Protein backbone atom coordinates (compact mmCIF):
# COMPACT_ATOMS: atom_id res chain seq x y z
CA MET A 1 -0.29 -11.92 9.39
CA GLY A 2 -1.20 -13.29 6.27
CA VAL A 3 -2.25 -9.85 4.98
CA ILE A 4 0.89 -8.31 5.54
CA GLU A 5 3.01 -11.42 4.10
CA GLY A 6 5.29 -10.37 1.37
CA LYS A 7 8.16 -8.04 1.03
CA TRP A 8 6.24 -5.23 0.01
CA LYS A 9 2.80 -4.96 1.15
CA VAL A 10 3.44 -3.00 4.50
CA SER A 11 5.41 -0.26 2.06
CA ILE A 12 2.32 -0.44 -0.29
CA LEU A 13 -0.06 0.17 2.95
CA TRP A 14 2.01 3.02 4.05
CA ALA A 15 2.31 4.86 0.65
CA LEU A 16 -1.61 4.57 0.42
CA GLY A 17 -1.62 6.11 4.13
CA GLU A 18 -0.53 9.44 2.73
CA GLY A 19 -3.79 9.37 0.34
CA ALA A 20 -5.08 7.65 -2.72
CA CYS A 21 -3.04 7.31 -5.80
CA ARG A 22 -2.60 5.66 -9.21
CA PHE A 23 -0.60 2.82 -10.01
CA GLY A 24 2.31 4.95 -11.52
CA ARG A 25 2.50 7.04 -8.63
CA LEU A 26 2.60 4.21 -6.20
CA ARG A 27 5.43 2.54 -8.42
CA ARG A 28 7.53 5.73 -8.11
CA MET A 29 6.82 5.78 -4.22
CA LEU A 30 8.28 2.29 -3.84
CA PRO A 31 11.72 2.54 -5.88
CA GLY A 32 12.66 -1.34 -6.83
CA ILE A 33 9.05 -2.83 -6.84
CA THR A 34 8.25 -4.52 -10.00
CA GLU A 35 5.11 -3.80 -11.74
CA LYS A 36 4.48 -7.36 -11.60
CA VAL A 37 4.75 -7.65 -7.89
CA LEU A 38 2.77 -4.35 -7.18
CA ALA A 39 0.09 -5.56 -9.29
CA SER A 40 0.05 -8.87 -7.44
CA HIS A 41 0.06 -7.37 -3.87
CA LEU A 42 -2.48 -4.73 -4.65
CA ARG A 43 -4.81 -7.78 -5.83
CA GLU A 44 -4.14 -9.30 -2.73
CA LEU A 45 -4.66 -6.53 -0.20
CA GLU A 46 -7.96 -5.61 -2.24
CA ARG A 47 -9.43 -9.45 -1.76
CA ASP A 48 -8.18 -8.94 1.94
CA GLY A 49 -10.18 -5.79 2.00
CA MET A 50 -7.40 -3.39 3.05
CA VAL A 51 -7.38 -1.72 -0.35
CA THR A 52 -10.40 -0.47 -2.70
CA ARG A 53 -9.59 -0.14 -6.20
CA GLU A 54 -11.62 2.66 -8.01
CA GLU A 55 -12.35 2.94 -11.90
CA PHE A 56 -13.39 6.27 -13.41
CA ALA A 57 -14.85 6.28 -16.79
CA GLU A 58 -12.96 9.24 -18.62
CA THR A 59 -11.61 9.75 -21.89
CA VAL A 60 -8.43 8.26 -20.71
CA PRO A 61 -9.41 5.40 -17.93
CA LYS A 62 -8.12 6.04 -14.78
CA VAL A 63 -7.59 3.76 -11.82
CA GLU A 64 -6.99 4.93 -8.30
CA TYR A 65 -6.07 2.81 -4.96
CA SER A 66 -6.90 3.80 -1.67
CA LEU A 67 -6.95 2.08 1.92
CA THR A 68 -10.44 1.16 3.20
CA GLY A 69 -11.37 1.33 6.75
CA PRO A 70 -9.67 -1.82 7.82
CA GLY A 71 -6.68 -0.86 5.80
CA ILE A 72 -6.42 2.59 7.74
CA ALA A 73 -7.11 0.53 11.01
CA LEU A 74 -4.00 -1.98 10.05
CA ASN A 75 -1.74 1.14 9.29
CA ARG A 76 -2.34 2.70 12.80
CA ALA A 77 -1.64 -0.80 14.17
CA LEU A 78 1.73 -1.02 12.44
CA GLU A 79 3.12 2.71 13.67
CA PRO A 80 4.50 0.98 16.72
CA LEU A 81 6.65 -1.13 14.39
CA GLY A 82 7.80 1.35 12.14
CA ASP A 83 8.60 3.51 14.94
CA TRP A 84 10.67 0.53 16.46
CA GLY A 85 12.26 -0.03 12.94
CA LYS A 86 13.24 3.89 12.86
CA ARG A 87 14.82 3.82 16.50
CA HIS A 88 16.43 0.73 16.35
CA LEU A 89 17.25 -0.48 12.43
CA LEU A 90 17.96 3.20 11.29
CA GLY A 91 19.43 4.72 14.06
CA GLY A 92 17.16 7.51 14.58
């Protein structure tokens, strides 16, 4: 449970479930998250082996974040929780 501790970690994992993306895109996908919190949570998720950070050596350096195998498995494990929330909390 410590891996998903924090208000935004599950949302970050679900956003990355759509595919690899850069920091700015992640921030836009998660309205209300601050840059500081996003950066901190990404570092923690990377440390816990759920997210990988890939740097591309280009003229303008680029960094992309994506889920690792365990991160994908965690997302799958969280799907029933998301479904429950949609049914019981969002009235869907």
